[in-house]
Amino acid sequence: MPPEAGQTVLVVDDDATVRAGMVALLHAAGYAARGYPGAAAVLDGFDPVHVRCAVLDIHIGEPDGFAVRDCLRALAPRLPVIFITGDIDPALAARADAAGALALLHKPVDADCLLALIDAIPAPPDAIP
């Protein structure tokens, strides 16, 4: 099923190459993806109305991905979040699970897995024509 029109996926990763690659993948899949290098950039002018989900790198500096998730959820309580990380750490997996993440994916992120997770998110009621 193609993405609903206007459904933006936020990608927050301090690695410009990873961020650009994910944004390109999401654009190719039909999403209006936007990439951000950190918390300040994504939170500046955040409008949750047309955001499908956020893909957050855990290790993006301070504040980290968990804190960004908290800030985004304060503005959009039901916003789905997918965490990504280069670390294989059971403690991070437990924190991501406790934070209500859809998933914790390890870098390099499997494109099919990421797209399947995002595609499975129901469109918000205001996005349905």
N, C-alpha and C. Protein backbone atom coordinates (compact mmCIF):
# COMPACT_ATOMS: atom_id res chain seq x y z
N MET A 1 0.85 -1.17 0.00
CA MET A 1 0.00 0.00 0.00
C MET A 1 0.90 1.24 0.00
N PRO A 2 0.66 2.19 -0.90
CA PRO A 2 1.50 3.38 -0.94
C PRO A 2 1.26 4.28 0.27
N PRO A 3 2.25 5.05 0.64
CA PRO A 3 2.08 5.96 1.78
C PRO A 3 0.99 6.99 1.49
N GLU A 4 0.35 7.44 2.56
CA GLU A 4 -0.65 8.50 2.43
C GLU A 4 0.06 9.80 2.07
N ALA A 5 -0.58 10.60 1.26
CA ALA A 5 -0.01 11.90 0.87
C ALA A 5 0.24 12.75 2.10
N GLY A 6 1.38 13.42 2.11
CA GLY A 6 1.69 14.32 3.21
C GLY A 6 2.21 13.65 4.46
N GLN A 7 2.48 12.37 4.41
CA GLN A 7 2.97 11.67 5.58
C GLN A 7 4.49 11.72 5.61
N THR A 8 5.01 12.55 6.48
CA THR A 8 6.45 12.77 6.58
C THR A 8 7.07 11.83 7.60
N VAL A 9 8.24 11.31 7.26
CA VAL A 9 9.04 10.54 8.19
C VAL A 9 10.23 11.41 8.57
N LEU A 10 10.40 11.62 9.87
CA LEU A 10 11.53 12.39 10.38
C LEU A 10 12.70 11.45 10.60
N VAL A 11 13.86 11.83 10.13
CA VAL A 11 15.08 11.04 10.32
C VAL A 11 16.08 11.93 11.06
N VAL A 12 16.46 11.52 12.27
CA VAL A 12 17.41 12.29 13.07
C VAL A 12 18.65 11.44 13.28
N ASP A 13 19.74 11.85 12.64
CA ASP A 13 21.01 11.14 12.75
C ASP A 13 22.13 12.14 12.52
N ASP A 14 23.13 12.15 13.39
CA ASP A 14 24.23 13.10 13.26
C ASP A 14 25.20 12.73 12.15
N ASP A 15 25.11 11.52 11.63
CA ASP A 15 25.97 11.08 10.52
C ASP A 15 25.27 11.48 9.21
N ALA A 16 25.84 12.46 8.52
CA ALA A 16 25.22 13.00 7.31
C ALA A 16 25.01 11.93 6.23
N THR A 17 25.93 10.99 6.12
CA THR A 17 25.82 9.94 5.10
C THR A 17 24.65 9.02 5.41
N VAL A 18 24.53 8.60 6.65
CA VAL A 18 23.42 7.73 7.06
C VAL A 18 22.10 8.47 6.87
N ARG A 19 22.06 9.71 7.34
CA ARG A 19 20.84 10.52 7.25
C ARG A 19 20.41 10.69 5.79
N ALA A 20 21.33 11.05 4.93
CA ALA A 20 21.01 11.26 3.51
C ALA A 20 20.55 9.96 2.85
N GLY A 21 21.19 8.85 3.21
CA GLY A 21 20.80 7.56 2.64
C GLY A 21 19.39 7.16 3.04
N MET A 22 19.04 7.37 4.30
CA MET A 22 17.70 7.04 4.76
C MET A 22 16.65 7.95 4.12
N VAL A 23 16.95 9.22 4.04
CA VAL A 23 16.01 10.16 3.41
C VAL A 23 15.79 9.77 1.95
N ALA A 24 16.86 9.42 1.23
CA ALA A 24 16.73 9.01 -0.17
C ALA A 24 15.90 7.73 -0.29
N LEU A 25 16.13 6.78 0.59
CA LEU A 25 15.35 5.53 0.60
C LEU A 25 13.87 5.83 0.82
N LEU A 26 13.58 6.67 1.79
CA LEU A 26 12.19 6.99 2.11
C LEU A 26 11.52 7.77 0.98
N HIS A 27 12.25 8.69 0.36
CA HIS A 27 11.70 9.41 -0.80
C HIS A 27 11.37 8.42 -1.91
N ALA A 28 12.27 7.48 -2.18
CA ALA A 28 12.03 6.48 -3.22
C ALA A 28 10.80 5.62 -2.92
N ALA A 29 10.50 5.46 -1.63
CA ALA A 29 9.33 4.67 -1.22
C ALA A 29 8.07 5.51 -1.18
N GLY A 30 8.17 6.81 -1.48
CA GLY A 30 6.99 7.65 -1.56
C GLY A 30 6.72 8.52 -0.35
N TYR A 31 7.63 8.53 0.61
CA TYR A 31 7.45 9.36 1.80
C TYR A 31 8.10 10.72 1.63
N ALA A 32 7.53 11.71 2.27
CA ALA A 32 8.11 13.05 2.30
C ALA A 32 9.05 13.11 3.50
N ALA A 33 10.19 12.45 3.40
CA ALA A 33 11.13 12.35 4.51
C ALA A 33 11.92 13.63 4.67
N ARG A 34 12.25 13.92 5.93
CA ARG A 34 13.09 15.07 6.26
C ARG A 34 14.18 14.60 7.21
N GLY A 35 15.41 15.01 6.92
CA GLY A 35 16.54 14.64 7.75
C GLY A 35 17.03 15.78 8.61
N TYR A 36 17.45 15.44 9.82
CA TYR A 36 17.94 16.43 10.78
C TYR A 36 19.18 15.88 11.48
N PRO A 37 20.17 16.77 11.75
CA PRO A 37 21.40 16.31 12.40
C PRO A 37 21.31 16.17 13.91
N GLY A 38 20.27 16.72 14.53
CA GLY A 38 20.18 16.64 15.99
C GLY A 38 18.86 17.17 16.51
N ALA A 39 18.78 17.23 17.83
CA ALA A 39 17.55 17.59 18.52
C ALA A 39 17.05 18.99 18.17
N ALA A 40 17.93 19.98 18.23
CA ALA A 40 17.50 21.35 18.01
C ALA A 40 16.88 21.51 16.63
N ALA A 41 17.48 20.89 15.63
CA ALA A 41 16.99 21.03 14.26
C ALA A 41 15.61 20.43 14.09
N VAL A 42 15.38 19.25 14.64
CA VAL A 42 14.08 18.60 14.46
C VAL A 42 12.99 19.25 15.30
N LEU A 43 13.35 19.76 16.46
CA LEU A 43 12.34 20.36 17.34
C LEU A 43 11.96 21.77 16.92
N ASP A 44 12.83 22.43 16.16
CA ASP A 44 12.56 23.79 15.71
C ASP A 44 11.43 23.76 14.69
N GLY A 45 10.29 24.21 15.08
CA GLY A 45 9.14 24.26 14.18
C GLY A 45 8.46 22.93 13.96
N PHE A 46 8.65 21.97 14.84
CA PHE A 46 8.02 20.66 14.69
C PHE A 46 6.50 20.79 14.64
N ASP A 47 5.91 20.23 13.59
CA ASP A 47 4.46 20.23 13.42
C ASP A 47 4.01 18.78 13.28
N PRO A 48 3.40 18.23 14.31
CA PRO A 48 3.08 16.80 14.31
C PRO A 48 1.93 16.38 13.41
N VAL A 49 1.24 17.33 12.80
CA VAL A 49 0.02 16.99 12.07
C VAL A 49 0.25 15.97 10.95
N HIS A 50 1.30 16.11 10.18
CA HIS A 50 1.50 15.22 9.04
C HIS A 50 2.71 14.30 9.19
N VAL A 51 3.13 14.06 10.41
CA VAL A 51 4.29 13.20 10.64
C VAL A 51 3.82 11.77 10.89
N ARG A 52 4.31 10.86 10.08
CA ARG A 52 3.95 9.45 10.22
C ARG A 52 4.71 8.80 11.37
N CYS A 53 6.02 9.11 11.45
CA CYS A 53 6.85 8.55 12.52
C CYS A 53 8.20 9.26 12.53
N ALA A 54 8.99 8.92 13.55
CA ALA A 54 10.35 9.45 13.66
C ALA A 54 11.33 8.28 13.75
N VAL A 55 12.41 8.38 13.00
CA VAL A 55 13.51 7.43 13.06
C VAL A 55 14.65 8.16 13.74
N LEU A 56 14.99 7.72 14.95
CA LEU A 56 15.95 8.45 15.78
C LEU A 56 17.19 7.62 16.08
N ASP A 57 18.35 8.18 15.73
CA ASP A 57 19.61 7.58 16.16
C ASP A 57 19.73 7.82 17.67
N ILE A 58 20.12 6.83 18.40
CA ILE A 58 20.24 6.98 19.85
C ILE A 58 21.42 7.88 20.20
N HIS A 59 22.54 7.69 19.52
CA HIS A 59 23.76 8.42 19.86
C HIS A 59 23.97 9.61 18.92
N ILE A 60 23.22 10.69 19.17
CA ILE A 60 23.33 11.90 18.33
C ILE A 60 23.92 13.06 19.11
N GLY A 61 24.54 12.77 20.24
CA GLY A 61 25.06 13.84 21.10
C GLY A 61 24.03 14.15 22.17
N GLU A 62 24.16 15.32 22.72
CA GLU A 62 23.23 15.73 23.78
C GLU A 62 22.27 16.76 23.24
N PRO A 63 21.00 16.60 23.43
CA PRO A 63 20.36 15.43 24.03
C PRO A 63 20.40 14.23 23.09
N ASP A 64 20.36 13.05 23.70
CA ASP A 64 20.42 11.82 22.90
C ASP A 64 19.05 11.49 22.31
N GLY A 65 18.99 10.39 21.56
CA GLY A 65 17.75 10.00 20.90
C GLY A 65 16.59 9.75 21.84
N PHE A 66 16.89 9.25 23.04
CA PHE A 66 15.81 9.02 24.01
C PHE A 66 15.19 10.35 24.47
N ALA A 67 16.03 11.35 24.68
CA ALA A 67 15.53 12.67 25.08
C ALA A 67 14.75 13.32 23.94
N VAL A 68 15.21 13.15 22.71
CA VAL A 68 14.48 13.68 21.56
C VAL A 68 13.12 13.01 21.48
N ARG A 69 13.08 11.72 21.69
CA ARG A 69 11.80 11.00 21.71
C ARG A 69 10.86 11.60 22.74
N ASP A 70 11.38 11.88 23.93
CA ASP A 70 10.54 12.48 24.98
C ASP A 70 9.99 13.84 24.55
N CYS A 71 10.83 14.66 23.94
CA CYS A 71 10.39 15.99 23.48
C CYS A 71 9.33 15.87 22.38
N LEU A 72 9.57 14.97 21.43
CA LEU A 72 8.60 14.79 20.35
C LEU A 72 7.27 14.25 20.88
N ARG A 73 7.35 13.32 21.81
CA ARG A 73 6.13 12.74 22.37
C ARG A 73 5.37 13.74 23.23
N ALA A 74 6.05 14.72 23.81
CA ALA A 74 5.35 15.77 24.56
C ALA A 74 4.47 16.59 23.61
N LEU A 75 4.91 16.72 22.36
CA LEU A 75 4.16 17.48 21.35
C LEU A 75 3.17 16.61 20.58
N ALA A 76 3.49 15.33 20.47
CA ALA A 76 2.65 14.38 19.72
C ALA A 76 2.69 13.04 20.47
N PRO A 77 1.82 12.88 21.47
CA PRO A 77 1.90 11.71 22.36
C PRO A 77 1.85 10.34 21.68
N ARG A 78 1.21 10.25 20.53
CA ARG A 78 1.10 8.93 19.87
C ARG A 78 2.07 8.75 18.72
N LEU A 79 3.06 9.63 18.62
CA LEU A 79 4.01 9.55 17.52
C LEU A 79 4.82 8.26 17.59
N PRO A 80 4.74 7.41 16.57
CA PRO A 80 5.55 6.20 16.55
C PRO A 80 7.04 6.54 16.37
N VAL A 81 7.89 5.81 17.08
CA VAL A 81 9.33 6.04 17.04
C VAL A 81 10.05 4.72 16.75
N ILE A 82 11.02 4.81 15.86
CA ILE A 82 11.93 3.70 15.58
C ILE A 82 13.32 4.21 15.94
N PHE A 83 13.99 3.50 16.84
CA PHE A 83 15.36 3.86 17.19
C PHE A 83 16.33 3.10 16.32
N ILE A 84 17.47 3.75 16.02
CA ILE A 84 18.57 3.09 15.32
C ILE A 84 19.85 3.33 16.11
N THR A 85 20.77 2.40 15.97
CA THR A 85 22.05 2.52 16.67
C THR A 85 23.10 1.65 16.00
N GLY A 86 24.33 2.04 16.18
CA GLY A 86 25.46 1.24 15.72
C GLY A 86 25.93 0.27 16.79
N ASP A 87 25.38 0.37 17.98
CA ASP A 87 25.80 -0.47 19.10
C ASP A 87 24.86 -1.65 19.30
N ILE A 88 25.44 -2.80 19.57
CA ILE A 88 24.63 -3.95 19.96
C ILE A 88 24.77 -4.06 21.47
N ASP A 89 23.74 -3.57 22.16
CA ASP A 89 23.78 -3.47 23.61
C ASP A 89 22.40 -3.82 24.16
N PRO A 90 22.29 -4.91 24.91
CA PRO A 90 20.99 -5.31 25.45
C PRO A 90 20.34 -4.23 26.32
N ALA A 91 21.15 -3.40 26.98
CA ALA A 91 20.59 -2.33 27.80
C ALA A 91 19.87 -1.29 26.93
N LEU A 92 20.44 -0.99 25.76
CA LEU A 92 19.78 -0.06 24.84
C LEU A 92 18.48 -0.65 24.32
N ALA A 93 18.50 -1.94 24.02
CA ALA A 93 17.28 -2.60 23.55
C ALA A 93 16.19 -2.53 24.62
N ALA A 94 16.56 -2.74 25.86
CA ALA A 94 15.60 -2.67 26.97
C ALA A 94 15.06 -1.25 27.12
N ARG A 95 15.93 -0.25 27.01
CA ARG A 95 15.48 1.16 27.10
C ARG A 95 14.55 1.52 25.96
N ALA A 96 14.88 1.07 24.75
CA ALA A 96 14.03 1.35 23.59
C ALA A 96 12.67 0.71 23.77
N ASP A 97 12.65 -0.50 24.26
CA ASP A 97 11.39 -1.19 24.51
C ASP A 97 10.57 -0.46 25.58
N ALA A 98 11.23 -0.06 26.65
CA ALA A 98 10.55 0.65 27.73
C ALA A 98 10.04 2.02 27.27
N ALA A 99 10.70 2.61 26.28
CA ALA A 99 10.29 3.90 25.75
C ALA A 99 9.13 3.78 24.75
N GLY A 100 8.71 2.54 24.49
CA GLY A 100 7.58 2.33 23.59
C GLY A 100 7.93 2.40 22.12
N ALA A 101 9.20 2.16 21.79
CA ALA A 101 9.62 2.20 20.39
C ALA A 101 9.01 1.05 19.60
N LEU A 102 8.74 1.31 18.32
CA LEU A 102 8.28 0.23 17.45
C LEU A 102 9.37 -0.81 17.28
N ALA A 103 10.62 -0.34 17.25
CA ALA A 103 11.75 -1.26 17.06
C ALA A 103 13.05 -0.53 17.37
N LEU A 104 14.08 -1.32 17.58
CA LEU A 104 15.45 -0.83 17.65
C LEU A 104 16.20 -1.55 16.54
N LEU A 105 16.62 -0.80 15.53
CA LEU A 105 17.33 -1.38 14.40
C LEU A 105 18.81 -1.04 14.50
N HIS A 106 19.63 -2.00 14.08
CA HIS A 106 21.07 -1.80 14.13
C HIS A 106 21.60 -1.37 12.77
N LYS A 107 22.57 -0.47 12.82
CA LYS A 107 23.22 0.00 11.60
C LYS A 107 24.22 -1.05 11.14
N PRO A 108 24.36 -1.26 9.85
CA PRO A 108 23.58 -0.62 8.80
C PRO A 108 22.14 -1.15 8.82
N VAL A 109 21.20 -0.23 8.71
CA VAL A 109 19.78 -0.57 8.81
C VAL A 109 19.34 -1.30 7.55
N ASP A 110 18.63 -2.40 7.76
CA ASP A 110 18.06 -3.16 6.65
C ASP A 110 16.90 -2.36 6.06
N ALA A 111 17.03 -1.95 4.81
CA ALA A 111 16.03 -1.09 4.16
C ALA A 111 14.65 -1.72 4.14
N ASP A 112 14.57 -3.01 3.81
CA ASP A 112 13.27 -3.68 3.74
C ASP A 112 12.60 -3.72 5.11
N CYS A 113 13.38 -3.96 6.14
CA CYS A 113 12.84 -4.00 7.51
C CYS A 113 12.32 -2.62 7.91
N LEU A 114 13.10 -1.59 7.65
CA LEU A 114 12.68 -0.23 7.99
C LEU A 114 11.39 0.14 7.27
N LEU A 115 11.34 -0.11 5.97
CA LEU A 115 10.15 0.23 5.20
C LEU A 115 8.94 -0.57 5.64
N ALA A 116 9.13 -1.84 5.98
CA ALA A 116 8.01 -2.65 6.45
C ALA A 116 7.45 -2.10 7.75
N LEU A 117 8.32 -1.69 8.65
CA LEU A 117 7.86 -1.09 9.91
C LEU A 117 7.07 0.18 9.67
N ILE A 118 7.60 1.04 8.81
CA ILE A 118 6.93 2.32 8.54
C ILE A 118 5.62 2.11 7.79
N ASP A 119 5.65 1.22 6.80
CA ASP A 119 4.43 0.96 6.03
C ASP A 119 3.31 0.40 6.90
N ALA A 120 3.65 -0.32 7.97
CA ALA A 120 2.66 -0.94 8.84
C ALA A 120 1.99 0.04 9.81
N ILE A 121 2.53 1.25 9.90
CA ILE A 121 1.96 2.24 10.82
C ILE A 121 0.67 2.76 10.19
N PRO A 122 -0.44 2.67 10.92
CA PRO A 122 -1.69 3.22 10.38
C PRO A 122 -1.60 4.74 10.21
N ALA A 123 -2.16 5.23 9.13
CA ALA A 123 -2.20 6.67 8.91
C ALA A 123 -3.08 7.32 9.96
N PRO A 124 -2.69 8.49 10.47
CA PRO A 124 -3.54 9.19 11.42
C PRO A 124 -4.88 9.54 10.76
N PRO A 125 -5.94 9.63 11.56
CA PRO A 125 -7.27 9.90 11.00
C PRO A 125 -7.34 11.15 10.12
N ASP A 126 -6.58 12.19 10.46
CA ASP A 126 -6.64 13.42 9.66
C ASP A 126 -5.94 13.28 8.32
N ALA A 127 -5.17 12.20 8.12
CA ALA A 127 -4.47 12.01 6.85
C ALA A 127 -5.30 11.19 5.87
N ILE A 128 -6.38 10.61 6.33
CA ILE A 128 -7.21 9.78 5.46
C ILE A 128 -8.19 10.68 4.71
N PRO A 129 -8.19 10.59 3.36
CA PRO A 129 -9.07 11.48 2.57
C PRO A 129 -10.53 11.16 2.76
